[in-house]
Amino acid sequence: MSPITTTDSPEKISRLLKQIIIISTVVLIVIILFVNTRTYLSQFYQGKTSFVAPKVAILGEIHWEECVPAVENVDCGIIIVPKDYFNAEAGTASIALARYRAQKTPRRGSVFLNPGGPGGPGSKLPITLGPALAKLIGDDWDLIGFDPRGIGSTRPTTRCFSSPLSSTAFFANTVIEQGITVSSISDLSSPLLYDELIEQHRQFLALKQVHAELCGKVMGDELRYMGTATVVRDIDFMSKIIEGENKKINYWGISYGSILGAYLVNMLPHRTGYVVIDGIVDPVSWSNEASHKWPINWIADAEKTYKIFLQDCSKAGPSLCPLTEYKDELWQNLERRFEDFFDAVARKPIPVPFGNRPGILTSGGARGLLRIALQRPLEWPKVAKIFSSALTGNATELYNLLVHPFTHDPEPYISPRLAVTCLDSPRPPSPDEFPTAEDLTKQGLKALREVSPHFGLSTGVGEPDGGCQYWAVDGPERYTGPWNATLETKMLIISNTADPITPKSSGLLVNSLMPHSSVIIIQDGPGHCSIFMPSLCTAKIQRGYFAGEMPKNGTVCPVDVATFPGEESEKHIQALSADDQELLQALKDLEANY
């Protein structure tokens, strides 16, 4: 079936769902997904939670059980959904979800959560962050996190390698793991640099082709059902089962979760209620440009964030930021030391015999880690210590942030991410139009010259996109807009002034596309998404929004924490009211455990 690129009418979708239910009931024995009480495990980033599958998979049934291990006030569950909302014969899928129950009556309903990625298991949010999120959203809501298609404990899951060892071995010591190395940003016109980048991008494309062909062979037709548009249909289906046919869908999502939120309100504007998106990815680019072209727009504010990091470190001095030699040192000195380090490592990678696994640290890997570190400002003191050690000769701890042991499995993040992005983005119609190593090199050099001279080619570490030209399948539906839906309740958009991977301009774009159906607040601080640099103002606006209070469009919120906290930061916190201190602590817990 060819993909549907426009939203069908609600009536047609409803008729198709009824057909799916009828056929699924008739062929119930065929769609038994699991026998007896088989348990399957969710490999979270920091632990495991078991989800007990039903004995018989009946479309539309939801099974809530105590989580294993038990978590106070949290239920874990499985809901059976149509695999394909446009083809009843495709069968069913099972979605893993967790619910942090409302602590206050009367209960107002449910808020669906997405942690970002794509690739993040949403069931982790109620399990590990329920109390903190309840402080942010409101304790009169059930908070429901779910693992989107292909991710975590949802089945089918996206697995392309035969074992964790084979996936780790595949990515080890490649440009996908270590990133692209730029030998020197001071001479971008060097023919030698151009040749080096061409060679690295040839390796990148070859690896992407192998990965895509493996996924196509192992997963086959199952890869068709992992796109964002299908996840929107899942949210709609789950909401009707959990809350009832006529209840509005409420939603909170960050980073990639902003893409899912933008799809949700524009595909199903009649169904949405309160929607908060934070750390905005440009949905127009996401759905209409090939995925290898996305990063140049994402890093528009990376240099601004980097400058804040260097300036704050310099002001803090060596007792708080050991990258400095003395308090109030010129931040340009730190910048120069970093570049000297990256240039030296480009010429001679650092051997690390006793890290997570024996190997080398490349300049591309080190620079990529610095870019990622900019996303979480409260981690900057720790990052400064790690980089300080690396700059003085001990790179093991820095290397360990990048490279995992052979017992670690990178696939639960990388393969599911590609399964989403390669269904959402358009693919070239023929091999003649596939991007070449030369195309990628020119694009990277443009990013270095015009957007971010320090990080123009560093997004591959942490954001492993591209290569979708080799993907073998199309989804049943691919949404490409429009992005200007009229909503009954305005959507709340949150952007930071210095977000290194989802710039403020993307939030302003979404706000401009929906001028009468959205409001935007700007958090005046660095970091990726508001939750990673706590602000009482931003938090109170979110909590008020979910209680029915609409903020003024364009409101600017200050932050309430320091990147390198000292006496002044502590005085500010002590001057807060007891309620504000409690809320700020919840925000810190949310940041620390996310």
Protein backbone atom coordinates (compact mmCIF):
# COMPACT_ATOMS: atom_id res chain seq x y z
CA MET A 1 0.00 0.00 0.00
CA SER A 2 1.42 3.42 -0.92
CA PRO A 3 1.97 5.84 1.95
CA ILE A 4 -0.75 8.36 2.75
CA THR A 5 0.69 11.88 2.87
CA THR A 6 -2.43 13.76 3.96
CA THR A 7 -4.66 13.22 6.95
CA ASP A 8 -7.78 11.19 6.25
CA SER A 9 -11.11 12.26 7.73
CA PRO A 10 -11.91 11.17 11.30
CA GLU A 11 -14.94 9.32 9.95
CA LYS A 12 -12.82 7.22 7.58
CA ILE A 13 -10.32 6.43 10.34
CA SER A 14 -13.19 5.41 12.62
CA ARG A 15 -14.62 3.07 9.98
CA LEU A 16 -11.21 1.51 9.43
CA LEU A 17 -10.76 0.97 13.16
CA LYS A 18 -14.10 -0.81 13.35
CA GLN A 19 -13.02 -3.07 10.49
CA ILE A 20 -9.76 -3.81 12.29
CA ILE A 21 -11.60 -4.72 15.49
CA ILE A 22 -13.97 -7.06 13.65
CA ILE A 23 -11.23 -8.82 11.70
CA SER A 24 -8.98 -9.04 14.75
CA THR A 25 -11.73 -10.69 16.74
CA VAL A 26 -12.43 -13.22 14.00
CA VAL A 27 -8.79 -14.20 13.67
CA LEU A 28 -8.01 -14.01 17.37
CA ILE A 29 -6.02 -17.21 17.43
CA VAL A 30 -3.80 -15.90 14.66
CA ILE A 31 -2.96 -12.71 16.51
CA ILE A 32 -2.03 -14.28 19.83
CA LEU A 33 1.28 -12.52 20.31
CA PHE A 34 2.48 -14.24 23.41
CA VAL A 35 1.70 -17.54 25.04
CA ASN A 36 1.11 -17.95 28.78
CA THR A 37 2.51 -15.13 30.87
CA ARG A 38 5.69 -14.42 29.01
CA THR A 39 7.50 -11.39 30.42
CA TYR A 40 9.62 -9.15 28.28
CA LEU A 41 12.14 -6.71 29.60
CA SER A 42 12.54 -3.04 28.88
CA GLN A 43 16.19 -2.11 28.61
CA PHE A 44 16.10 1.38 30.01
CA TYR A 45 19.18 3.54 30.02
CA GLN A 46 19.58 3.08 33.78
CA GLY A 47 17.78 -0.15 34.60
CA LYS A 48 15.10 -2.71 33.82
CA THR A 49 11.37 -2.85 34.34
CA SER A 50 9.32 -5.90 33.43
CA PHE A 51 6.05 -5.65 31.54
CA VAL A 52 3.76 -8.67 31.73
CA ALA A 53 2.10 -9.43 28.41
CA PRO A 54 -1.51 -10.64 28.31
CA LYS A 55 -2.20 -14.32 27.71
CA VAL A 56 -4.32 -13.41 24.69
CA ALA A 57 -3.84 -10.23 22.67
CA ILE A 58 -7.25 -8.65 22.14
CA LEU A 59 -7.34 -5.38 20.24
CA GLY A 60 -8.21 -2.46 22.47
CA GLU A 61 -7.61 -4.25 25.76
CA ILE A 62 -5.30 -2.73 28.32
CA HIS A 63 -3.73 -4.71 31.15
CA TRP A 64 -2.46 -2.76 34.17
CA GLU A 65 -0.22 -4.63 36.59
CA GLU A 66 2.16 -3.80 39.39
CA CYS A 67 5.54 -2.91 37.92
CA VAL A 68 8.39 -5.35 38.48
CA PRO A 69 10.17 -4.23 40.58
CA ALA A 70 7.29 -2.40 42.25
CA VAL A 71 7.29 1.42 42.10
CA GLU A 72 5.15 3.42 44.50
CA ASN A 73 2.03 4.85 42.85
CA VAL A 74 3.00 3.52 39.40
CA ASP A 75 1.25 0.88 37.29
CA CYS A 76 2.82 -0.82 34.29
CA GLY A 77 0.76 -2.05 31.40
CA ILE A 78 0.37 -3.32 27.88
CA ILE A 79 -2.22 -2.10 25.41
CA ILE A 80 -2.97 -3.87 22.13
CA VAL A 81 -3.28 -1.52 19.14
CA PRO A 82 -3.69 -1.95 15.38
CA LYS A 83 -0.32 -2.40 13.74
CA ASP A 84 -1.54 -0.49 10.68
CA TYR A 85 -4.49 1.91 11.01
CA PHE A 86 -5.17 1.65 7.28
CA ASN A 87 -4.91 -2.11 6.83
CA ALA A 88 -6.81 -4.41 9.18
CA GLU A 89 -4.98 -7.49 7.92
CA ALA A 90 -1.61 -6.29 9.25
CA GLY A 91 -2.48 -7.52 12.75
CA THR A 92 -1.65 -5.85 16.04
CA ALA A 93 1.18 -4.33 18.05
CA SER A 94 1.59 -4.12 21.82
CA ILE A 95 2.50 -0.82 23.44
CA ALA A 96 4.27 -0.81 26.82
CA LEU A 97 3.20 1.99 29.11
CA ALA A 98 3.44 3.15 32.71
CA ARG A 99 1.09 5.37 34.70
CA TYR A 100 1.88 7.61 37.65
CA ARG A 101 -1.51 7.94 39.31
CA ALA A 102 -3.00 11.31 40.25
CA GLN A 103 -2.52 12.13 43.92
CA LYS A 104 -5.27 14.70 44.16
CA THR A 105 -9.02 14.49 43.62
CA PRO A 106 -10.94 15.16 41.55
CA ARG A 107 -8.69 13.55 38.95
CA ARG A 108 -8.64 15.65 35.77
CA GLY A 109 -7.61 12.99 33.26
CA SER A 110 -4.38 11.78 31.66
CA VAL A 111 -1.35 13.52 30.20
CA PHE A 112 0.67 11.48 27.69
CA LEU A 113 4.44 11.96 27.91
CA ASN A 114 7.32 11.67 25.45
CA PRO A 115 10.97 11.90 26.59
CA GLY A 116 12.57 12.76 23.24
CA GLY A 117 14.94 10.87 21.00
CA PRO A 118 13.49 9.45 18.89
CA GLY A 119 14.45 6.29 20.68
CA GLY A 120 13.67 7.18 24.28
CA PRO A 121 11.35 4.77 26.14
CA GLY A 122 8.55 6.91 27.54
CA SER A 123 7.54 4.37 30.17
CA LYS A 124 10.69 5.39 32.02
CA LEU A 125 9.22 8.80 32.86
CA PRO A 126 6.45 7.78 35.31
CA ILE A 127 8.64 5.03 36.77
CA THR A 128 11.69 7.16 37.57
CA LEU A 129 10.36 10.74 37.51
CA GLY A 130 6.70 10.53 38.48
CA PRO A 131 6.78 12.73 41.62
CA ALA A 132 8.96 15.41 39.97
CA LEU A 133 6.80 15.51 36.83
CA ALA A 134 3.67 15.74 38.98
CA LYS A 135 5.14 18.89 40.55
CA LEU A 136 5.64 20.32 37.05
CA ILE A 137 2.36 19.23 35.44
CA GLY A 138 0.01 18.89 38.40
CA ASP A 139 -0.80 16.14 40.89
CA ASP A 140 -4.42 15.93 39.72
CA TRP A 141 -3.40 14.26 36.45
CA ASP A 142 -2.47 10.67 35.66
CA LEU A 143 0.90 10.82 33.88
CA ILE A 144 1.22 8.18 31.17
CA GLY A 145 4.52 7.38 29.53
CA PHE A 146 4.67 4.84 26.73
CA ASP A 147 7.35 3.26 24.58
CA PRO A 148 6.66 4.42 20.99
CA ARG A 149 6.74 2.01 18.06
CA GLY A 150 9.93 -0.05 17.82
CA ILE A 151 11.27 1.21 21.15
CA GLY A 152 11.87 -0.31 24.59
CA SER A 153 9.28 -2.93 25.57
CA THR A 154 6.82 -2.13 22.81
CA ARG A 155 6.50 -4.98 20.31
CA PRO A 156 7.55 -5.40 17.61
CA THR A 157 10.79 -3.69 18.58
CA THR A 158 13.45 -2.54 16.15
CA ARG A 159 16.40 -4.94 16.33
CA CYS A 160 18.75 -5.28 13.38
CA PHE A 161 21.72 -7.16 14.87
CA SER A 162 21.88 -10.73 16.11
CA SER A 163 23.31 -9.82 19.52
CA PRO A 164 24.48 -6.87 21.64
CA LEU A 165 28.07 -7.87 20.93
CA SER A 166 27.56 -7.74 17.16
CA SER A 167 25.97 -4.28 17.32
CA THR A 168 28.71 -2.92 19.60
CA ALA A 169 31.41 -4.39 17.35
CA PHE A 170 29.77 -2.87 14.27
CA PHE A 171 29.77 0.69 15.62
CA ALA A 172 33.08 0.47 17.54
CA ASN A 173 35.86 2.83 16.42
CA THR A 174 33.86 4.14 13.46
CA VAL A 175 32.82 7.68 12.54
CA ILE A 176 29.36 6.84 13.88
CA GLU A 177 30.77 6.20 17.35
CA GLN A 178 33.70 8.66 17.28
CA GLY A 179 32.28 11.37 15.05
CA ILE A 180 33.85 13.30 12.19
CA THR A 181 37.30 14.73 12.91
CA VAL A 182 38.10 18.21 11.61
CA SER A 183 41.89 18.45 11.71
CA SER A 184 41.81 22.23 12.21
CA ILE A 185 38.96 24.74 12.13
CA SER A 186 41.45 27.54 11.43
CA ASP A 187 41.91 26.63 7.74
CA LEU A 188 38.67 25.30 6.26
CA SER A 189 39.91 25.89 2.70
CA SER A 190 42.74 23.37 3.05
CA PRO A 191 42.69 20.72 0.28
CA LEU A 192 44.07 18.22 2.79
CA LEU A 193 41.14 18.84 5.15
CA TYR A 194 38.70 18.43 2.26
CA ASP A 195 40.22 15.06 1.35
CA GLU A 196 40.15 13.93 5.00
CA LEU A 197 36.45 14.80 5.28
CA ILE A 198 35.65 13.04 2.00
CA GLU A 199 37.25 9.84 3.28
CA GLN A 200 35.37 9.99 6.59
CA HIS A 201 32.06 10.60 4.85
CA ARG A 202 32.68 7.66 2.53
CA GLN A 203 33.05 5.48 5.62
CA PHE A 204 29.90 7.04 7.07
CA LEU A 205 27.83 6.26 3.97
CA ALA A 206 29.13 2.70 3.73
CA LEU A 207 28.25 2.05 7.38
CA LYS A 208 24.80 3.53 6.90
CA GLN A 209 24.19 1.28 3.89
CA VAL A 210 25.22 -1.83 5.81
CA HIS A 211 23.04 -0.86 8.77
CA ALA A 212 20.01 -0.19 6.57
CA GLU A 213 20.38 -3.45 4.65
CA LEU A 214 20.71 -5.41 7.90
CA CYS A 215 17.57 -3.79 9.27
CA GLY A 216 15.70 -4.49 6.06
CA LYS A 217 16.66 -8.17 6.07
CA VAL A 218 16.07 -8.80 9.78
CA MET A 219 12.95 -6.68 10.29
CA GLY A 220 11.36 -6.86 6.86
CA ASP A 221 7.88 -5.37 6.62
CA GLU A 222 7.79 -4.62 10.37
CA LEU A 223 9.91 -1.52 9.71
CA ARG A 224 6.91 0.11 8.02
CA TYR A 225 5.13 0.83 11.30
CA MET A 226 7.64 2.94 13.26
CA GLY A 227 6.96 6.46 11.95
CA THR A 228 5.72 9.44 13.95
CA ALA A 229 2.35 9.57 12.17
CA THR A 230 1.62 6.03 13.35
CA VAL A 231 2.55 6.99 16.92
CA VAL A 232 0.02 9.83 16.74
CA ARG A 233 -2.63 7.26 15.79
CA ASP A 234 -1.51 5.17 18.79
CA ILE A 235 -1.95 8.11 21.18
CA ASP A 236 -5.43 8.72 19.80
CA PHE A 237 -6.32 5.03 20.15
CA MET A 238 -4.88 4.75 23.67
CA SER A 239 -6.61 7.92 24.83
CA LYS A 240 -9.99 6.62 23.69
CA ILE A 241 -9.44 3.34 25.56
CA ILE A 242 -8.10 4.95 28.74
CA GLU A 243 -10.20 8.14 28.95
CA GLY A 244 -13.14 7.56 26.62
CA GLU A 245 -14.11 8.47 23.07
CA ASN A 246 -14.90 12.13 23.68
CA LYS A 247 -12.12 13.17 26.06
CA LYS A 248 -9.39 15.45 24.71
CA ILE A 249 -5.78 14.27 24.41
CA ASN A 250 -3.35 16.05 26.75
CA TYR A 251 0.36 15.83 26.03
CA TRP A 252 3.82 16.87 27.26
CA GLY A 253 6.97 16.24 25.22
CA ILE A 254 10.51 17.55 24.90
CA SER A 255 13.05 17.61 22.06
CA TYR A 256 11.85 14.98 19.53
CA GLY A 257 8.71 15.02 21.69
CA SER A 258 8.07 18.45 20.17
CA ILE A 259 7.90 16.78 16.75
CA LEU A 260 5.39 14.25 18.05
CA GLY A 261 3.42 17.09 19.64
CA ALA A 262 3.42 19.15 16.43
CA TYR A 263 2.23 16.12 14.45
CA LEU A 264 -0.47 15.44 17.05
CA VAL A 265 -2.04 18.90 17.07
CA ASN A 266 -1.91 19.24 13.28
CA MET A 267 -3.06 15.73 12.37
CA LEU A 268 -5.79 15.64 15.03
CA PRO A 269 -6.60 19.25 15.99
CA HIS A 270 -10.15 18.33 17.00
CA ARG A 271 -8.83 15.80 19.53
CA THR A 272 -6.23 17.79 21.44
CA GLY A 273 -6.54 19.59 24.75
CA TYR A 274 -3.54 20.80 26.76
CA VAL A 275 -0.28 20.33 24.83
CA VAL A 276 3.18 21.45 25.98
CA ILE A 277 6.24 21.09 23.74
CA ASP A 278 9.71 22.06 24.99
CA GLY A 279 12.99 22.23 23.05
CA ILE A 280 11.51 22.63 19.59
CA VAL A 281 12.64 20.77 16.49
CA ASP A 282 11.52 22.36 13.21
CA PRO A 283 8.66 20.11 11.99
CA VAL A 284 8.67 21.58 8.48
CA SER A 285 12.30 20.61 7.94
CA TRP A 286 11.81 17.26 9.72
CA SER A 287 9.03 16.16 7.40
CA ASN A 288 10.16 17.77 4.15
CA GLU A 289 13.98 17.57 4.09
CA ALA A 290 16.24 14.52 3.94
CA SER A 291 17.52 13.68 7.42
CA HIS A 292 21.18 14.36 6.60
CA LYS A 293 20.23 18.02 6.04
CA TRP A 294 18.66 18.56 9.48
CA PRO A 295 21.72 19.28 11.68
CA ILE A 296 22.74 22.56 10.04
CA ASN A 297 19.50 24.09 11.37
CA TRP A 298 19.71 22.41 14.78
CA ILE A 299 23.03 24.03 15.77
CA ALA A 300 22.04 27.65 15.10
CA ASP A 301 22.55 28.55 18.79
CA ALA A 302 25.43 26.19 19.59
CA GLU A 303 28.06 28.94 19.49
CA LYS A 304 25.99 31.11 21.83
CA THR A 305 25.77 28.24 24.31
CA TYR A 306 29.49 27.50 24.03
CA LYS A 307 30.36 31.12 24.75
CA ILE A 308 28.19 31.06 27.89
CA PHE A 309 29.98 27.90 29.03
CA LEU A 310 33.41 29.48 28.53
CA GLN A 311 32.41 32.77 30.15
CA ASP A 312 30.76 31.16 33.18
CA CYS A 313 33.75 28.88 33.67
CA SER A 314 36.14 31.83 33.49
CA LYS A 315 34.14 33.83 36.03
CA ALA A 316 33.94 30.85 38.39
CA GLY A 317 37.69 30.32 38.60
CA PRO A 318 39.71 27.13 39.16
CA SER A 319 38.02 26.12 42.42
CA LEU A 320 34.73 25.59 40.58
CA CYS A 321 35.97 25.19 36.99
CA PRO A 322 39.46 23.66 36.79
CA LEU A 323 39.73 24.51 33.10
CA THR A 324 40.72 28.02 34.20
CA GLU A 325 44.09 29.07 35.59
CA TYR A 326 42.70 31.94 37.69
CA LYS A 327 39.36 33.60 38.44
CA ASP A 328 38.04 35.93 35.71
CA GLU A 329 40.57 34.66 33.18
CA LEU A 330 39.73 35.72 29.63
CA TRP A 331 37.28 33.18 28.23
CA GLN A 332 39.15 33.34 24.92
CA ASN A 333 42.09 31.66 26.67
CA LEU A 334 39.90 28.64 27.44
CA GLU A 335 38.65 28.57 23.86
CA ARG A 336 42.22 28.54 22.58
CA ARG A 337 43.23 25.73 24.95
CA PHE A 338 40.32 23.62 23.73
CA GLU A 339 41.27 24.19 20.08
CA ASP A 340 44.92 23.38 20.77
CA PHE A 341 43.74 20.14 22.39
CA PHE A 342 41.42 19.19 19.50
CA ASP A 343 44.14 19.98 16.93
CA ALA A 344 46.70 17.90 18.82
CA VAL A 345 44.34 14.93 19.11
CA ALA A 346 43.51 15.23 15.40
CA ARG A 347 47.21 14.84 14.62
CA LYS A 348 47.71 12.08 17.19
CA PRO A 349 44.69 10.28 18.72
CA ILE A 350 45.04 9.48 22.41
CA PRO A 351 45.61 5.80 23.28
CA VAL A 352 43.36 4.61 26.12
CA PRO A 353 44.41 1.07 27.12
CA PHE A 354 42.38 0.87 30.34
CA GLY A 355 39.05 2.49 29.54
CA ASN A 356 35.67 0.83 29.15
CA ARG A 357 37.39 -1.07 26.37
CA PRO A 358 40.90 -0.60 24.95
CA GLY A 359 40.92 1.98 22.19
CA ILE A 360 41.69 5.54 21.13
CA LEU A 361 40.04 8.91 21.63
CA THR A 362 39.77 10.93 18.43
CA SER A 363 39.39 14.65 18.01
CA GLY A 364 35.93 14.13 16.51
CA GLY A 365 34.84 12.13 19.53
CA ALA A 366 36.19 14.67 22.02
CA ARG A 367 34.61 17.63 20.22
CA GLY A 368 31.33 15.76 19.90
CA LEU A 369 31.31 15.14 23.66
CA LEU A 370 31.85 18.84 24.32
CA ARG A 371 28.87 19.67 22.10
CA ILE A 372 26.69 17.17 23.97
CA ALA A 373 27.87 18.60 27.31
CA LEU A 374 26.51 22.01 26.34
CA GLN A 375 22.99 20.55 26.49
CA ARG A 376 23.04 20.10 30.29
CA PRO A 377 24.44 23.20 32.05
CA LEU A 378 24.12 21.79 35.57
CA GLU A 379 26.62 19.11 34.53
CA TRP A 380 29.20 21.71 33.45
CA PRO A 381 31.27 21.54 36.68
CA LYS A 382 31.64 17.77 36.23
CA VAL A 383 32.37 18.16 32.52
CA ALA A 384 34.99 20.81 33.26
CA LYS A 385 36.85 18.41 35.57
CA ILE A 386 36.76 15.62 32.99
CA PHE A 387 38.03 17.84 30.17
CA SER A 388 40.63 19.39 32.46
CA SER A 389 42.05 15.93 33.07
CA ALA A 390 42.04 15.20 29.34
CA LEU A 391 43.79 18.47 28.53
CA THR A 392 46.53 17.58 31.00
CA GLY A 393 47.09 14.08 29.66
CA ASN A 394 44.54 11.73 31.25
CA ALA A 395 41.71 11.14 28.76
CA THR A 396 40.32 7.89 30.19
CA GLU A 397 37.28 9.42 31.87
CA LEU A 398 36.44 11.48 28.78
CA TYR A 399 36.88 8.42 26.57
CA ASN A 400 34.55 6.43 28.83
CA LEU A 401 31.76 8.95 28.19
CA LEU A 402 31.98 8.12 24.50
CA VAL A 403 32.92 4.45 24.38
CA HIS A 404 31.03 1.70 26.17
CA PRO A 405 32.17 -1.82 27.11
CA PHE A 406 31.46 -4.66 24.72
CA THR A 407 28.73 -5.74 27.15
CA HIS A 408 26.84 -2.52 26.33
CA ASP A 409 24.31 -2.57 23.50
CA PRO A 410 24.01 0.69 21.52
CA GLU A 411 21.30 -0.64 19.22
CA PRO A 412 18.22 0.08 21.38
CA TYR A 413 18.86 3.76 20.69
CA ILE A 414 20.41 3.89 17.21
CA SER A 415 18.29 1.42 15.22
CA PRO A 416 14.89 2.56 16.61
CA ARG A 417 15.89 6.17 15.97
CA LEU A 418 16.62 5.46 12.32
CA ALA A 419 13.41 3.48 12.00
CA VAL A 420 11.54 6.66 12.94
CA THR A 421 13.56 9.29 11.10
CA CYS A 422 13.77 7.30 7.87
CA LEU A 423 9.99 6.97 7.70
CA ASP A 424 9.39 10.62 8.59
CA SER A 425 11.84 12.21 6.14
CA PRO A 426 11.58 12.09 2.34
CA ARG A 427 14.00 9.84 0.47
CA PRO A 428 15.62 10.57 -2.90
CA PRO A 429 13.55 8.98 -5.68
CA SER A 430 16.53 7.29 -7.36
CA PRO A 431 20.15 6.31 -6.58
CA ASP A 432 21.31 9.06 -8.93
CA GLU A 433 20.09 11.56 -6.33
CA PHE A 434 21.58 9.88 -3.26
CA PRO A 435 23.87 12.24 -1.30
CA THR A 436 27.55 11.58 -1.96
CA ALA A 437 30.56 11.97 0.31
CA GLU A 438 31.29 15.18 -1.58
CA ASP A 439 27.77 16.48 -0.85
CA LEU A 440 28.10 15.72 2.86
CA THR A 441 31.55 17.31 3.03
CA LYS A 442 30.36 20.52 1.36
CA GLN A 443 27.37 20.66 3.68
CA GLY A 444 29.63 20.17 6.71
CA LEU A 445 32.05 22.87 5.61
CA LYS A 446 29.12 25.24 5.08
CA ALA A 447 27.93 24.54 8.63
CA LEU A 448 31.43 25.25 9.96
CA ARG A 449 31.77 28.48 7.99
CA GLU A 450 28.28 29.92 8.34
CA VAL A 451 26.62 28.45 11.43
CA SER A 452 28.95 26.93 14.03
CA PRO A 453 32.73 27.05 13.51
CA HIS A 454 33.32 24.81 16.53
CA PHE A 455 30.53 22.23 16.13
CA GLY A 456 29.40 22.35 12.50
CA LEU A 457 30.42 18.71 11.97
CA SER A 458 29.89 17.41 15.51
CA THR A 459 26.22 16.47 15.66
CA GLY A 460 26.85 12.87 14.57
CA VAL A 461 27.95 12.07 18.13
CA GLY A 462 24.58 11.87 19.88
CA GLU A 463 22.41 12.53 16.82
CA PRO A 464 23.24 9.62 14.45
CA ASP A 465 20.95 10.57 11.56
CA GLY A 466 21.37 10.29 7.81
CA GLY A 467 21.60 7.33 5.45
CA CYS A 468 17.85 7.10 4.90
CA GLN A 469 18.41 6.80 1.16
CA TYR A 470 19.28 3.15 1.86
CA TRP A 471 16.11 2.43 3.86
CA ALA A 472 13.99 -0.19 2.16
CA VAL A 473 10.43 0.62 3.25
CA ASP A 474 7.77 3.30 3.31
CA GLY A 475 5.25 3.67 6.09
CA PRO A 476 1.49 3.43 5.64
CA GLU A 477 1.30 7.17 6.29
CA ARG A 478 3.77 10.06 6.16
CA TYR A 479 2.58 13.44 7.38
CA THR A 480 4.10 16.50 5.68
CA GLY A 481 1.80 19.29 6.88
CA PRO A 482 0.02 21.64 6.98
CA TRP A 483 1.32 23.03 10.28
CA ASN A 484 -1.23 25.76 10.94
CA ALA A 485 -4.14 23.95 12.59
CA THR A 486 -6.73 25.82 14.63
CA LEU A 487 -6.98 24.51 18.18
CA GLU A 488 -9.64 24.91 20.84
CA THR A 489 -6.92 25.19 23.51
CA LYS A 490 -3.71 26.95 22.56
CA MET A 491 -0.53 24.87 22.59
CA LEU A 492 2.27 25.99 24.94
CA ILE A 493 5.72 26.23 23.31
CA ILE A 494 8.92 26.58 25.37
CA SER A 495 12.33 27.56 23.96
CA ASN A 496 15.62 28.55 25.58
CA THR A 497 17.64 31.54 24.44
CA ALA A 498 20.77 29.38 24.05
CA ASP A 499 19.80 25.82 23.21
CA PRO A 500 22.69 24.12 21.37
CA ILE A 501 20.57 21.57 19.46
CA THR A 502 16.98 22.92 19.25
CA PRO A 503 17.35 26.67 18.69
CA LYS A 504 14.92 29.37 19.75
CA SER A 505 14.21 30.09 16.07
CA SER A 506 12.44 26.72 15.74
CA GLY A 507 10.10 27.59 18.60
CA LEU A 508 9.38 30.98 17.06
CA LEU A 509 8.67 29.27 13.73
CA VAL A 510 6.05 26.92 15.20
CA ASN A 511 4.51 29.86 17.08
CA SER A 512 4.34 31.89 13.85
CA LEU A 513 2.70 29.03 11.96
CA MET A 514 -0.03 28.82 14.62
CA PRO A 515 -0.35 32.45 15.78
CA HIS A 516 -3.89 32.05 17.13
CA SER A 517 -3.45 28.50 18.44
CA SER A 518 -0.16 28.69 20.35
CA VAL A 519 1.75 30.76 22.87
CA ILE A 520 5.49 30.70 23.36
CA ILE A 521 7.52 31.40 26.47
CA ILE A 522 11.26 32.00 26.30
CA GLN A 523 13.51 30.76 29.08
CA ASP A 524 16.51 33.06 29.31
CA GLY A 525 19.30 30.58 29.78
CA PRO A 526 21.49 27.92 28.19
CA GLY A 527 20.83 24.22 27.71
CA HIS A 528 18.64 21.84 25.76
CA CYS A 529 14.99 22.18 26.86
CA SER A 530 13.90 24.15 29.90
CA ILE A 531 14.09 21.19 32.30
CA PHE A 532 17.89 21.07 32.16
CA MET A 533 18.27 24.61 33.59
CA PRO A 534 15.51 24.91 36.21
CA SER A 535 13.31 28.01 36.28
CA LEU A 536 10.51 28.55 38.78
CA CYS A 537 8.86 30.95 36.34
CA THR A 538 8.80 28.37 33.54
CA ALA A 539 7.64 25.62 35.88
CA LYS A 540 4.80 27.70 37.34
CA ILE A 541 3.63 28.66 33.85
CA GLN A 542 3.52 24.98 32.85
CA ARG A 543 1.66 23.99 36.00
CA GLY A 544 -0.75 26.89 35.57
CA TYR A 545 -1.29 26.01 31.92
CA PHE A 546 -2.40 22.47 32.80
CA ALA A 547 -4.78 24.08 35.33
CA GLY A 548 -6.34 26.24 32.62
CA GLU A 549 -4.27 29.44 32.93
CA MET A 550 -2.91 30.73 29.60
CA PRO A 551 0.36 32.72 29.73
CA LYS A 552 1.02 35.82 27.67
CA ASN A 553 2.67 35.09 24.34
CA GLY A 554 6.38 35.90 24.41
CA THR A 555 6.78 35.79 28.20
CA VAL A 556 10.47 35.64 29.18
CA CYS A 557 11.46 33.60 32.25
CA PRO A 558 14.75 33.82 34.18
CA VAL A 559 16.52 30.73 35.49
CA ASP A 560 16.98 30.04 39.20
CA VAL A 561 20.21 28.06 39.24
CA ALA A 562 23.82 28.78 38.36
CA THR A 563 25.98 26.76 35.99
CA PHE A 564 28.90 26.85 38.46
CA PRO A 565 27.06 27.39 41.75
CA GLY A 566 28.77 29.32 44.51
CA GLU A 567 27.76 31.50 47.46
CA GLU A 568 25.53 33.83 45.44
CA SER A 569 23.55 30.92 44.05
CA GLU A 570 23.05 29.49 47.54
CA LYS A 571 21.89 32.89 48.86
CA HIS A 572 19.30 33.10 46.07
CA ILE A 573 17.91 29.68 46.96
CA GLN A 574 17.79 30.42 50.69
CA ALA A 575 15.81 33.59 50.01
CA LEU A 576 13.03 31.64 48.28
CA SER A 577 9.81 30.68 50.03
CA ALA A 578 9.46 27.14 51.36
CA ASP A 579 7.05 26.28 48.53
CA ASP A 580 9.44 27.63 45.91
CA GLN A 581 12.35 25.74 47.43
CA GLU A 582 10.30 22.54 47.29
CA LEU A 583 9.40 23.15 43.64
CA LEU A 584 12.99 24.02 42.75
CA GLN A 585 14.22 20.81 44.38
CA ALA A 586 11.70 18.82 42.32
CA LEU A 587 13.01 20.52 39.17
CA LYS A 588 16.58 19.65 40.17
CA ASP A 589 15.53 16.04 40.74
CA LEU A 590 13.92 16.01 37.30
CA GLU A 591 17.11 17.35 35.70
CA ALA A 592 19.43 15.03 37.60
CA ASN A 593 17.51 11.83 36.88
CA TYR A 594 16.34 12.47 33.32
